[in-house]
């Protein structure tokens, strides 16, 4: 049986494909992963999180965003569409977005892309 050799894409190739694609996909270290749809229950939970976090950020220099915002993990070759993102208002930039939440929260942690609390 012949083995299939995967072709790894550069971040630039992924971004070019993603701009033209009908569907969202995530990118992890050279591999593109198609995103599945979500359930009604999942969307209700996400909506409630966005509302709750948004209220808490009202007087802070940050905004809460839904899953339509692509996030690049700093210093990596990983791009995701998290269900909820919190970013400083001046951190959103054209093609590449990044998370900078240090002044957005004064307590608690942030769940990282690998599930760890940092």
N, C-alpha and C. Protein backbone atom coordinates (compact mmCIF):
# COMPACT_ATOMS: atom_id res chain seq x y z
N UNK A 1 0.85 -1.17 0.00
CA UNK A 1 0.00 0.00 0.00
C UNK A 1 0.89 1.24 0.00
N UNK A 2 0.67 2.15 -0.89
CA UNK A 2 1.47 3.37 -0.98
C UNK A 2 1.03 4.36 0.09
N UNK A 3 1.99 5.06 0.64
CA UNK A 3 1.64 6.06 1.64
C UNK A 3 1.48 7.42 0.97
N UNK A 4 0.57 8.20 1.51
CA UNK A 4 0.31 9.54 0.98
C UNK A 4 1.20 10.53 1.71
N UNK A 5 1.93 11.30 0.98
CA UNK A 5 2.81 12.30 1.57
C UNK A 5 2.06 13.63 1.68
N UNK A 6 1.92 14.13 2.91
CA UNK A 6 1.21 15.39 3.11
C UNK A 6 2.05 16.55 2.61
N UNK A 7 1.40 17.54 2.07
CA UNK A 7 2.07 18.77 1.64
C UNK A 7 1.78 19.83 2.69
N UNK A 8 2.82 20.35 3.28
CA UNK A 8 2.66 21.39 4.27
C UNK A 8 2.67 22.75 3.60
N UNK A 9 1.76 23.61 4.02
CA UNK A 9 1.64 24.95 3.45
C UNK A 9 2.29 25.98 4.37
N UNK A 10 2.77 27.04 3.78
CA UNK A 10 3.31 28.15 4.57
C UNK A 10 2.13 28.96 5.10
N UNK A 11 2.35 29.77 6.14
CA UNK A 11 1.26 30.64 6.61
C UNK A 11 0.74 31.56 5.50
N UNK A 12 1.61 32.03 4.64
CA UNK A 12 1.19 32.91 3.54
C UNK A 12 0.28 32.17 2.56
N UNK A 13 0.61 30.90 2.26
CA UNK A 13 -0.23 30.10 1.37
C UNK A 13 -1.60 29.87 2.01
N UNK A 14 -1.60 29.56 3.29
CA UNK A 14 -2.88 29.37 4.01
C UNK A 14 -3.73 30.63 3.93
N UNK A 15 -3.13 31.78 4.23
CA UNK A 15 -3.90 33.03 4.22
C UNK A 15 -4.45 33.34 2.83
N UNK A 16 -3.69 33.06 1.78
CA UNK A 16 -4.18 33.28 0.42
C UNK A 16 -5.36 32.37 0.11
N UNK A 17 -5.28 31.11 0.51
CA UNK A 17 -6.39 30.16 0.30
C UNK A 17 -7.59 30.58 1.13
N UNK A 18 -7.36 30.97 2.37
CA UNK A 18 -8.45 31.34 3.29
C UNK A 18 -9.23 32.56 2.79
N UNK A 19 -8.53 33.51 2.20
CA UNK A 19 -9.21 34.72 1.69
C UNK A 19 -10.21 34.39 0.59
N UNK A 20 -9.94 33.36 -0.19
CA UNK A 20 -10.80 32.99 -1.32
C UNK A 20 -11.83 31.91 -0.98
N UNK A 21 -11.65 31.25 0.14
CA UNK A 21 -12.48 30.09 0.48
C UNK A 21 -13.90 30.48 0.88
N UNK A 22 -14.84 29.59 0.58
CA UNK A 22 -16.23 29.78 1.01
C UNK A 22 -16.41 29.42 2.48
N UNK A 23 -15.57 28.53 2.98
CA UNK A 23 -15.69 28.05 4.35
C UNK A 23 -14.43 28.36 5.14
N UNK A 24 -14.60 28.55 6.45
CA UNK A 24 -13.46 28.82 7.33
C UNK A 24 -12.67 27.55 7.60
N UNK A 25 -11.38 27.72 7.75
CA UNK A 25 -10.51 26.62 8.15
C UNK A 25 -9.46 27.16 9.10
N UNK A 26 -8.92 26.27 9.91
CA UNK A 26 -7.86 26.65 10.84
C UNK A 26 -6.55 26.06 10.35
N UNK A 27 -5.45 26.62 10.82
CA UNK A 27 -4.13 26.25 10.33
C UNK A 27 -3.21 25.97 11.51
N UNK A 28 -2.62 24.78 11.52
CA UNK A 28 -1.73 24.40 12.61
C UNK A 28 -0.45 23.83 12.01
N UNK A 29 0.62 24.58 12.14
CA UNK A 29 1.95 24.12 11.73
C UNK A 29 1.98 23.51 10.33
N UNK A 30 1.39 24.20 9.37
CA UNK A 30 1.46 23.76 7.98
C UNK A 30 0.31 22.94 7.48
N UNK A 31 -0.63 22.58 8.35
CA UNK A 31 -1.77 21.76 7.95
C UNK A 31 -3.07 22.55 8.14
N UNK A 32 -3.94 22.48 7.13
CA UNK A 32 -5.23 23.17 7.17
C UNK A 32 -6.29 22.18 7.65
N UNK A 33 -7.13 22.63 8.59
CA UNK A 33 -8.22 21.80 9.12
C UNK A 33 -9.54 22.51 8.86
N UNK A 34 -10.46 21.82 8.18
CA UNK A 34 -11.79 22.38 7.93
C UNK A 34 -12.53 22.49 9.26
N UNK A 35 -13.32 23.55 9.38
CA UNK A 35 -14.10 23.74 10.61
C UNK A 35 -15.50 23.17 10.44
N UNK A 36 -15.95 22.49 11.46
CA UNK A 36 -17.30 21.93 11.45
C UNK A 36 -18.29 22.96 11.98
N UNK A 37 -19.54 22.76 11.65
CA UNK A 37 -20.58 23.63 12.19
C UNK A 37 -20.79 23.34 13.67
N UNK A 38 -21.59 24.17 14.31
CA UNK A 38 -21.83 23.97 15.74
C UNK A 38 -23.33 23.86 16.01
N UNK A 39 -23.66 23.35 17.16
CA UNK A 39 -25.05 23.12 17.53
C UNK A 39 -25.70 24.40 18.05
N UNK A 40 -27.02 24.38 18.15
CA UNK A 40 -27.74 25.52 18.71
C UNK A 40 -27.31 25.75 20.16
N UNK A 41 -27.17 24.68 20.92
CA UNK A 41 -26.76 24.80 22.32
C UNK A 41 -25.38 25.46 22.43
N UNK A 42 -24.46 25.03 21.59
CA UNK A 42 -23.11 25.62 21.58
C UNK A 42 -23.21 27.13 21.30
N UNK A 43 -23.98 27.51 20.30
CA UNK A 43 -24.11 28.92 19.94
C UNK A 43 -24.76 29.75 21.05
N UNK A 44 -25.70 29.19 21.77
CA UNK A 44 -26.32 29.90 22.90
C UNK A 44 -25.29 30.13 24.00
N UNK A 45 -24.48 29.11 24.29
CA UNK A 45 -23.43 29.27 25.31
C UNK A 45 -22.44 30.35 24.89
N UNK A 46 -22.01 30.33 23.64
CA UNK A 46 -21.06 31.33 23.14
C UNK A 46 -21.66 32.73 23.21
N UNK A 47 -22.91 32.87 22.81
CA UNK A 47 -23.58 34.17 22.87
C UNK A 47 -23.65 34.69 24.30
N UNK A 48 -23.97 33.82 25.24
CA UNK A 48 -24.02 34.23 26.64
C UNK A 48 -22.64 34.63 27.16
N UNK A 49 -21.61 33.92 26.75
CA UNK A 49 -20.24 34.29 27.14
C UNK A 49 -19.86 35.67 26.60
N UNK A 50 -20.17 35.91 25.33
CA UNK A 50 -19.85 37.19 24.71
C UNK A 50 -20.55 38.34 25.45
N UNK A 51 -21.82 38.14 25.78
CA UNK A 51 -22.56 39.18 26.51
C UNK A 51 -21.94 39.40 27.89
N UNK A 52 -21.69 38.32 28.62
CA UNK A 52 -21.15 38.43 29.97
C UNK A 52 -19.77 39.09 29.98
N UNK A 53 -18.89 38.64 29.11
CA UNK A 53 -17.55 39.22 29.05
C UNK A 53 -17.61 40.66 28.57
N UNK A 54 -18.45 40.94 27.58
CA UNK A 54 -18.59 42.31 27.07
C UNK A 54 -19.00 43.30 28.15
N UNK A 55 -19.92 42.89 29.01
CA UNK A 55 -20.36 43.75 30.12
C UNK A 55 -19.18 44.03 31.06
N UNK A 56 -18.40 43.01 31.36
CA UNK A 56 -17.25 43.18 32.26
C UNK A 56 -16.15 44.05 31.66
N UNK A 57 -16.09 44.12 30.34
CA UNK A 57 -15.05 44.91 29.67
C UNK A 57 -15.50 46.32 29.32
N UNK A 58 -16.70 46.69 29.72
CA UNK A 58 -17.28 47.96 29.31
C UNK A 58 -16.36 49.16 29.54
N UNK A 59 -15.69 49.24 30.66
CA UNK A 59 -14.83 50.39 30.97
C UNK A 59 -13.35 50.07 30.79
N UNK A 60 -13.04 49.10 29.99
CA UNK A 60 -11.65 48.71 29.75
C UNK A 60 -11.30 48.93 28.28
N UNK A 61 -10.01 48.94 27.96
CA UNK A 61 -9.62 49.22 26.57
C UNK A 61 -9.68 47.98 25.67
N UNK A 62 -10.64 47.11 25.91
CA UNK A 62 -10.72 45.85 25.17
C UNK A 62 -12.12 45.62 24.64
N UNK A 63 -12.18 44.72 23.65
CA UNK A 63 -13.46 44.32 23.06
C UNK A 63 -13.52 42.81 23.00
N UNK A 64 -14.73 42.31 22.99
CA UNK A 64 -14.95 40.87 22.85
C UNK A 64 -15.47 40.61 21.43
N UNK A 65 -14.97 39.54 20.81
CA UNK A 65 -15.32 39.22 19.43
C UNK A 65 -15.83 37.79 19.32
N UNK A 66 -16.76 37.54 18.37
CA UNK A 66 -17.23 36.17 18.13
C UNK A 66 -16.27 35.42 17.22
N UNK A 67 -16.66 34.24 16.80
CA UNK A 67 -15.78 33.34 16.06
C UNK A 67 -15.46 33.76 14.62
N UNK A 68 -15.96 34.88 14.16
CA UNK A 68 -15.63 35.32 12.80
C UNK A 68 -14.28 36.01 12.71
N UNK A 69 -13.62 36.18 13.82
CA UNK A 69 -12.32 36.85 13.84
C UNK A 69 -11.21 35.80 13.91
N UNK A 70 -10.36 35.79 12.87
CA UNK A 70 -9.24 34.85 12.85
C UNK A 70 -8.15 35.37 13.78
N UNK A 71 -7.56 34.48 14.57
CA UNK A 71 -6.53 34.84 15.54
C UNK A 71 -5.27 34.04 15.24
N UNK A 72 -4.16 34.75 15.13
CA UNK A 72 -2.87 34.06 14.99
C UNK A 72 -2.23 34.00 16.37
N UNK A 73 -1.85 32.81 16.78
CA UNK A 73 -1.18 32.65 18.06
C UNK A 73 0.20 33.30 17.93
N UNK A 74 0.53 34.24 18.82
CA UNK A 74 1.81 34.95 18.70
C UNK A 74 3.01 34.00 18.64
N UNK A 75 3.97 34.36 17.82
CA UNK A 75 5.21 33.59 17.66
C UNK A 75 4.98 32.13 17.30
N UNK A 76 4.01 31.89 16.44
CA UNK A 76 3.74 30.52 16.02
C UNK A 76 3.25 30.51 14.58
N UNK A 77 3.00 29.31 14.07
CA UNK A 77 2.38 29.16 12.75
C UNK A 77 1.02 28.50 12.95
N UNK A 78 0.20 29.15 13.80
CA UNK A 78 -1.13 28.63 14.11
C UNK A 78 -2.15 29.76 14.01
N UNK A 79 -3.22 29.48 13.27
CA UNK A 79 -4.33 30.41 13.11
C UNK A 79 -5.61 29.68 13.50
N UNK A 80 -6.42 30.34 14.32
CA UNK A 80 -7.67 29.75 14.78
C UNK A 80 -8.82 30.75 14.67
N UNK A 81 -10.03 30.24 14.75
CA UNK A 81 -11.24 31.03 14.88
C UNK A 81 -11.84 30.66 16.24
N UNK A 82 -11.34 31.23 17.33
CA UNK A 82 -11.88 30.87 18.64
C UNK A 82 -13.34 31.28 18.76
N UNK A 83 -14.08 30.57 19.59
CA UNK A 83 -15.48 30.93 19.81
C UNK A 83 -15.60 32.34 20.35
N UNK A 84 -14.70 32.72 21.23
CA UNK A 84 -14.70 34.05 21.85
C UNK A 84 -13.25 34.53 21.93
N UNK A 85 -13.01 35.77 21.53
CA UNK A 85 -11.68 36.39 21.65
C UNK A 85 -11.83 37.72 22.35
N UNK A 86 -10.83 38.07 23.13
CA UNK A 86 -10.79 39.38 23.77
C UNK A 86 -9.49 40.03 23.34
N UNK A 87 -9.59 41.24 22.79
CA UNK A 87 -8.40 41.94 22.31
C UNK A 87 -8.48 43.41 22.66
N UNK A 88 -7.30 43.98 22.80
CA UNK A 88 -7.22 45.43 22.98
C UNK A 88 -7.76 46.09 21.72
N UNK A 89 -8.40 47.21 21.85
CA UNK A 89 -9.00 47.89 20.70
C UNK A 89 -8.00 48.24 19.63
N UNK A 90 -6.76 48.51 19.99
CA UNK A 90 -5.77 48.91 18.99
C UNK A 90 -4.95 47.74 18.46
N UNK A 91 -5.32 46.50 18.77
CA UNK A 91 -4.53 45.34 18.35
C UNK A 91 -5.02 44.70 17.06
N UNK A 92 -6.21 45.04 16.59
CA UNK A 92 -6.73 44.43 15.38
C UNK A 92 -6.06 45.09 14.18
N UNK A 93 -5.47 44.25 13.33
CA UNK A 93 -4.77 44.76 12.15
C UNK A 93 -5.17 43.95 10.93
N UNK A 94 -5.64 44.59 9.89
CA UNK A 94 -5.94 44.00 8.59
C UNK A 94 -5.96 42.49 8.51
N UNK A 95 -4.91 41.89 7.95
CA UNK A 95 -4.86 40.45 7.72
C UNK A 95 -4.51 39.66 8.97
N UNK A 96 -3.60 40.18 9.76
CA UNK A 96 -3.10 39.41 10.90
C UNK A 96 -3.60 40.02 12.19
N UNK A 97 -4.25 39.22 13.00
CA UNK A 97 -4.75 39.67 14.28
C UNK A 97 -3.95 39.00 15.37
N UNK A 98 -3.87 39.64 16.52
CA UNK A 98 -3.19 38.99 17.64
C UNK A 98 -3.91 39.30 18.94
N UNK A 99 -3.68 38.46 19.94
CA UNK A 99 -4.29 38.65 21.24
C UNK A 99 -3.31 39.34 22.17
N UNK A 100 -3.78 40.38 22.83
CA UNK A 100 -2.99 41.03 23.87
C UNK A 100 -3.99 41.39 24.95
N UNK A 101 -4.10 40.55 25.96
CA UNK A 101 -5.17 40.70 26.93
C UNK A 101 -4.69 41.15 28.30
N UNK A 102 -3.41 41.51 28.44
CA UNK A 102 -2.88 41.81 29.76
C UNK A 102 -3.67 42.91 30.48
N UNK A 103 -4.07 43.95 29.80
CA UNK A 103 -4.80 45.02 30.48
C UNK A 103 -6.31 44.85 30.37
N UNK A 104 -6.76 43.75 29.81
CA UNK A 104 -8.19 43.51 29.67
C UNK A 104 -8.79 42.87 30.91
N UNK A 105 -8.00 42.09 31.62
CA UNK A 105 -8.48 41.39 32.80
C UNK A 105 -7.59 41.69 33.99
N UNK A 106 -8.17 41.79 35.15
CA UNK A 106 -7.35 41.99 36.35
C UNK A 106 -7.36 40.75 37.24
N UNK A 107 -8.06 39.70 36.83
CA UNK A 107 -8.06 38.46 37.59
C UNK A 107 -8.37 37.32 36.63
N UNK A 108 -8.14 36.11 37.10
CA UNK A 108 -8.47 34.94 36.29
C UNK A 108 -7.39 34.62 35.29
N UNK A 109 -7.66 33.64 34.44
CA UNK A 109 -6.69 33.20 33.46
C UNK A 109 -7.27 33.19 32.07
N UNK A 110 -6.43 32.88 31.13
CA UNK A 110 -6.81 32.79 29.74
C UNK A 110 -6.54 31.38 29.28
N UNK A 111 -7.51 30.74 28.66
CA UNK A 111 -7.29 29.40 28.16
C UNK A 111 -6.55 29.52 26.84
N UNK A 112 -5.40 28.86 26.74
CA UNK A 112 -4.57 28.93 25.55
C UNK A 112 -5.09 28.00 24.47
N UNK A 113 -4.48 28.06 23.29
CA UNK A 113 -4.92 27.24 22.17
C UNK A 113 -4.77 25.76 22.45
N UNK A 114 -3.92 25.40 23.40
CA UNK A 114 -3.73 24.00 23.71
C UNK A 114 -4.53 23.58 24.95
N UNK A 115 -5.40 24.46 25.44
CA UNK A 115 -6.27 24.13 26.56
C UNK A 115 -5.68 24.46 27.92
N UNK A 116 -4.42 24.87 27.99
CA UNK A 116 -3.82 25.20 29.29
C UNK A 116 -4.22 26.60 29.70
N UNK A 117 -4.35 26.80 31.01
CA UNK A 117 -4.59 28.13 31.53
C UNK A 117 -3.25 28.81 31.68
N UNK A 118 -3.12 30.01 31.13
CA UNK A 118 -1.87 30.75 31.31
C UNK A 118 -2.12 32.03 32.04
